[in-house]
């Protein structure tokens, strides 16, 4: 059962105005909360794998008559590409 109120009691105008402002603020906050849930999150920023790879200072291959030197270079570059996070399609 709700408490009894004296029927002659009237809130002061300042309190009434404050309550109305708080109600309006709550409505705005609820609307904003509802709008934020409808928007999908933004896509992640693109990653520049080439720039990441070049920052690692990959080894440079000029030429060699020994196949093992070229094989070692390929292995080192492969490790650098893995470190940079490149996919198989980006390794070509």
C-alpha atoms as a PDB file:
ATOM      1  CA  UNK A   1       0.000   0.000   0.000  1.00  0.00           C
ATOM      2  CA  UNK A   2       1.471   3.400  -0.962  1.00  0.00           C
ATOM      3  CA  UNK A   3       2.182   5.869   1.808  1.00  0.00           C
ATOM      4  CA  UNK A   4      -0.450   8.454   2.494  1.00  0.00           C
ATOM      5  CA  UNK A   5       0.214  11.969   1.407  1.00  0.00           C
ATOM      6  CA  UNK A   6      -1.222  15.136   2.770  1.00  0.00           C
ATOM      7  CA  UNK A   7      -3.362  16.439  -0.072  1.00  0.00           C
ATOM      8  CA  UNK A   8      -2.305  20.010   0.692  1.00  0.00           C
ATOM      9  CA  UNK A   9       1.401  19.313   0.110  1.00  0.00           C
ATOM     10  CA  UNK A  10       2.891  20.867  -3.054  1.00  0.00           C
ATOM     11  CA  UNK A  11       6.478  20.430  -4.230  1.00  0.00           C
ATOM     12  CA  UNK A  12       8.408  23.684  -4.490  1.00  0.00           C
ATOM     13  CA  UNK A  13       8.776  24.864  -8.133  1.00  0.00           C
ATOM     14  CA  UNK A  14      12.565  24.357  -8.027  1.00  0.00           C
ATOM     15  CA  UNK A  15      12.154  20.678  -7.121  1.00  0.00           C
ATOM     16  CA  UNK A  16       9.485  20.176  -9.793  1.00  0.00           C
ATOM     17  CA  UNK A  17      11.737  21.758 -12.414  1.00  0.00           C
ATOM     18  CA  UNK A  18      14.710  19.633 -11.292  1.00  0.00           C
ATOM     19  CA  UNK A  19      12.663  16.431 -11.548  1.00  0.00           C
ATOM     20  CA  UNK A  20      11.464  17.388 -15.047  1.00  0.00           C
ATOM     21  CA  UNK A  21      15.048  18.082 -16.160  1.00  0.00           C
ATOM     22  CA  UNK A  22      16.211  14.745 -14.776  1.00  0.00           C
ATOM     23  CA  UNK A  23      13.398  12.922 -16.552  1.00  0.00           C
ATOM     24  CA  UNK A  24      14.312  14.617 -19.837  1.00  0.00           C
ATOM     25  CA  UNK A  25      17.964  13.694 -19.324  1.00  0.00           C
ATOM     26  CA  UNK A  26      17.061  10.070 -18.626  1.00  0.00           C
ATOM     27  CA  UNK A  27      14.983   9.929 -21.824  1.00  0.00           C
ATOM     28  CA  UNK A  28      17.905  11.279 -23.868  1.00  0.00           C
ATOM     29  CA  UNK A  29      20.277   8.757 -22.291  1.00  0.00           C
ATOM     30  CA  UNK A  30      17.914   5.863 -23.001  1.00  0.00           C
ATOM     31  CA  UNK A  31      17.519   6.991 -26.622  1.00  0.00           C
ATOM     32  CA  UNK A  32      21.291   7.262 -27.064  1.00  0.00           C
ATOM     33  CA  UNK A  33      21.801   3.839 -25.541  1.00  0.00           C
ATOM     34  CA  UNK A  34      19.277   2.360 -27.963  1.00  0.00           C
ATOM     35  CA  UNK A  35      20.912   4.076 -30.945  1.00  0.00           C
ATOM     36  CA  UNK A  36      24.374   2.820 -30.015  1.00  0.00           C
ATOM     37  CA  UNK A  37      23.227  -0.794 -29.978  1.00  0.00           C
ATOM     38  CA  UNK A  38      21.940  -0.602 -33.566  1.00  0.00           C
ATOM     39  CA  UNK A  39      25.228   0.547 -35.093  1.00  0.00           C
ATOM     40  CA  UNK A  40      27.695  -2.191 -36.041  1.00  0.00           C
ATOM     41  CA  UNK A  41      31.229  -1.730 -34.767  1.00  0.00           C
ATOM     42  CA  UNK A  42      33.582  -0.019 -37.202  1.00  0.00           C
ATOM     43  CA  UNK A  43      35.822  -2.293 -39.259  1.00  0.00           C
ATOM     44  CA  UNK A  44      39.393  -2.681 -38.035  1.00  0.00           C
ATOM     45  CA  UNK A  45      41.924  -0.389 -39.673  1.00  0.00           C
ATOM     46  CA  UNK A  46      43.758  -1.897 -42.632  1.00  0.00           C
ATOM     47  CA  UNK A  47      47.171  -3.358 -41.911  1.00  0.00           C
ATOM     48  CA  UNK A  48      50.001  -2.493 -44.255  1.00  0.00           C
ATOM     49  CA  UNK A  49      51.944  -5.760 -44.313  1.00  0.00           C
ATOM     50  CA  UNK A  50      54.472  -4.426 -46.816  1.00  0.00           C
ATOM     51  CA  UNK A  51      55.476  -1.585 -44.498  1.00  0.00           C
ATOM     52  CA  UNK A  52      55.728  -4.016 -41.566  1.00  0.00           C
ATOM     53  CA  UNK A  53      57.869  -6.372 -43.667  1.00  0.00           C
ATOM     54  CA  UNK A  54      60.194  -3.591 -44.827  1.00  0.00           C
ATOM     55  CA  UNK A  55      60.673  -2.333 -41.245  1.00  0.00           C
ATOM     56  CA  UNK A  56      62.217  -5.720 -40.440  1.00  0.00           C
ATOM     57  CA  UNK A  57      65.083  -4.977 -42.874  1.00  0.00           C
ATOM     58  CA  UNK A  58      64.757  -8.230 -44.815  1.00  0.00           C
ATOM     59  CA  UNK A  59      67.919  -9.713 -46.352  1.00  0.00           C
ATOM     60  CA  UNK A  60      68.705  -8.762 -49.935  1.00  0.00           C
ATOM     61  CA  UNK A  61      69.687 -11.390 -52.497  1.00  0.00           C
ATOM     62  CA  UNK A  62      71.867 -10.281 -55.369  1.00  0.00           C
ATOM     63  CA  UNK A  63      73.277 -13.417 -56.915  1.00  0.00           C
ATOM     64  CA  UNK A  64      75.150 -16.576 -56.107  1.00  0.00           C
ATOM     65  CA  UNK A  65      76.382 -19.687 -57.835  1.00  0.00           C
ATOM     66  CA  UNK A  66      75.628 -21.759 -54.739  1.00  0.00           C
ATOM     67  CA  UNK A  67      72.012 -22.993 -54.495  1.00  0.00           C
ATOM     68  CA  UNK A  68      72.300 -23.249 -50.697  1.00  0.00           C
ATOM     69  CA  UNK A  69      72.764 -19.454 -50.471  1.00  0.00           C
ATOM     70  CA  UNK A  70      69.520 -18.862 -52.367  1.00  0.00           C
ATOM     71  CA  UNK A  71      67.751 -21.459 -50.214  1.00  0.00           C
ATOM     72  CA  UNK A  72      68.963 -19.766 -47.012  1.00  0.00           C
ATOM     73  CA  UNK A  73      67.766 -16.409 -48.347  1.00  0.00           C
ATOM     74  CA  UNK A  74      64.320 -17.841 -49.145  1.00  0.00           C
ATOM     75  CA  UNK A  75      64.055 -19.296 -45.635  1.00  0.00           C
ATOM     76  CA  UNK A  76      65.039 -15.977 -44.018  1.00  0.00           C
ATOM     77  CA  UNK A  77      62.599 -13.999 -46.136  1.00  0.00           C
ATOM     78  CA  UNK A  78      59.861 -16.547 -45.331  1.00  0.00           C
ATOM     79  CA  UNK A  79      60.462 -16.032 -41.600  1.00  0.00           C
ATOM     80  CA  UNK A  80      60.307 -12.255 -42.047  1.00  0.00           C
ATOM     81  CA  UNK A  81      57.018 -12.551 -43.947  1.00  0.00           C
ATOM     82  CA  UNK A  82      55.584 -14.716 -41.170  1.00  0.00           C
ATOM     83  CA  UNK A  83      56.723 -12.177 -38.577  1.00  0.00           C
ATOM     84  CA  UNK A  84      55.067  -9.373 -40.562  1.00  0.00           C
ATOM     85  CA  UNK A  85      51.788 -11.361 -40.562  1.00  0.00           C
ATOM     86  CA  UNK A  86      51.516 -11.765 -44.338  1.00  0.00           C
ATOM     87  CA  UNK A  87      49.035 -14.261 -45.755  1.00  0.00           C
ATOM     88  CA  UNK A  88      49.927 -16.809 -48.417  1.00  0.00           C
ATOM     89  CA  UNK A  89      48.322 -14.626 -51.087  1.00  0.00           C
ATOM     90  CA  UNK A  90      50.478 -11.651 -50.019  1.00  0.00           C
ATOM     91  CA  UNK A  91      53.688 -13.670 -50.129  1.00  0.00           C
ATOM     92  CA  UNK A  92      53.624 -13.910 -53.932  1.00  0.00           C
END
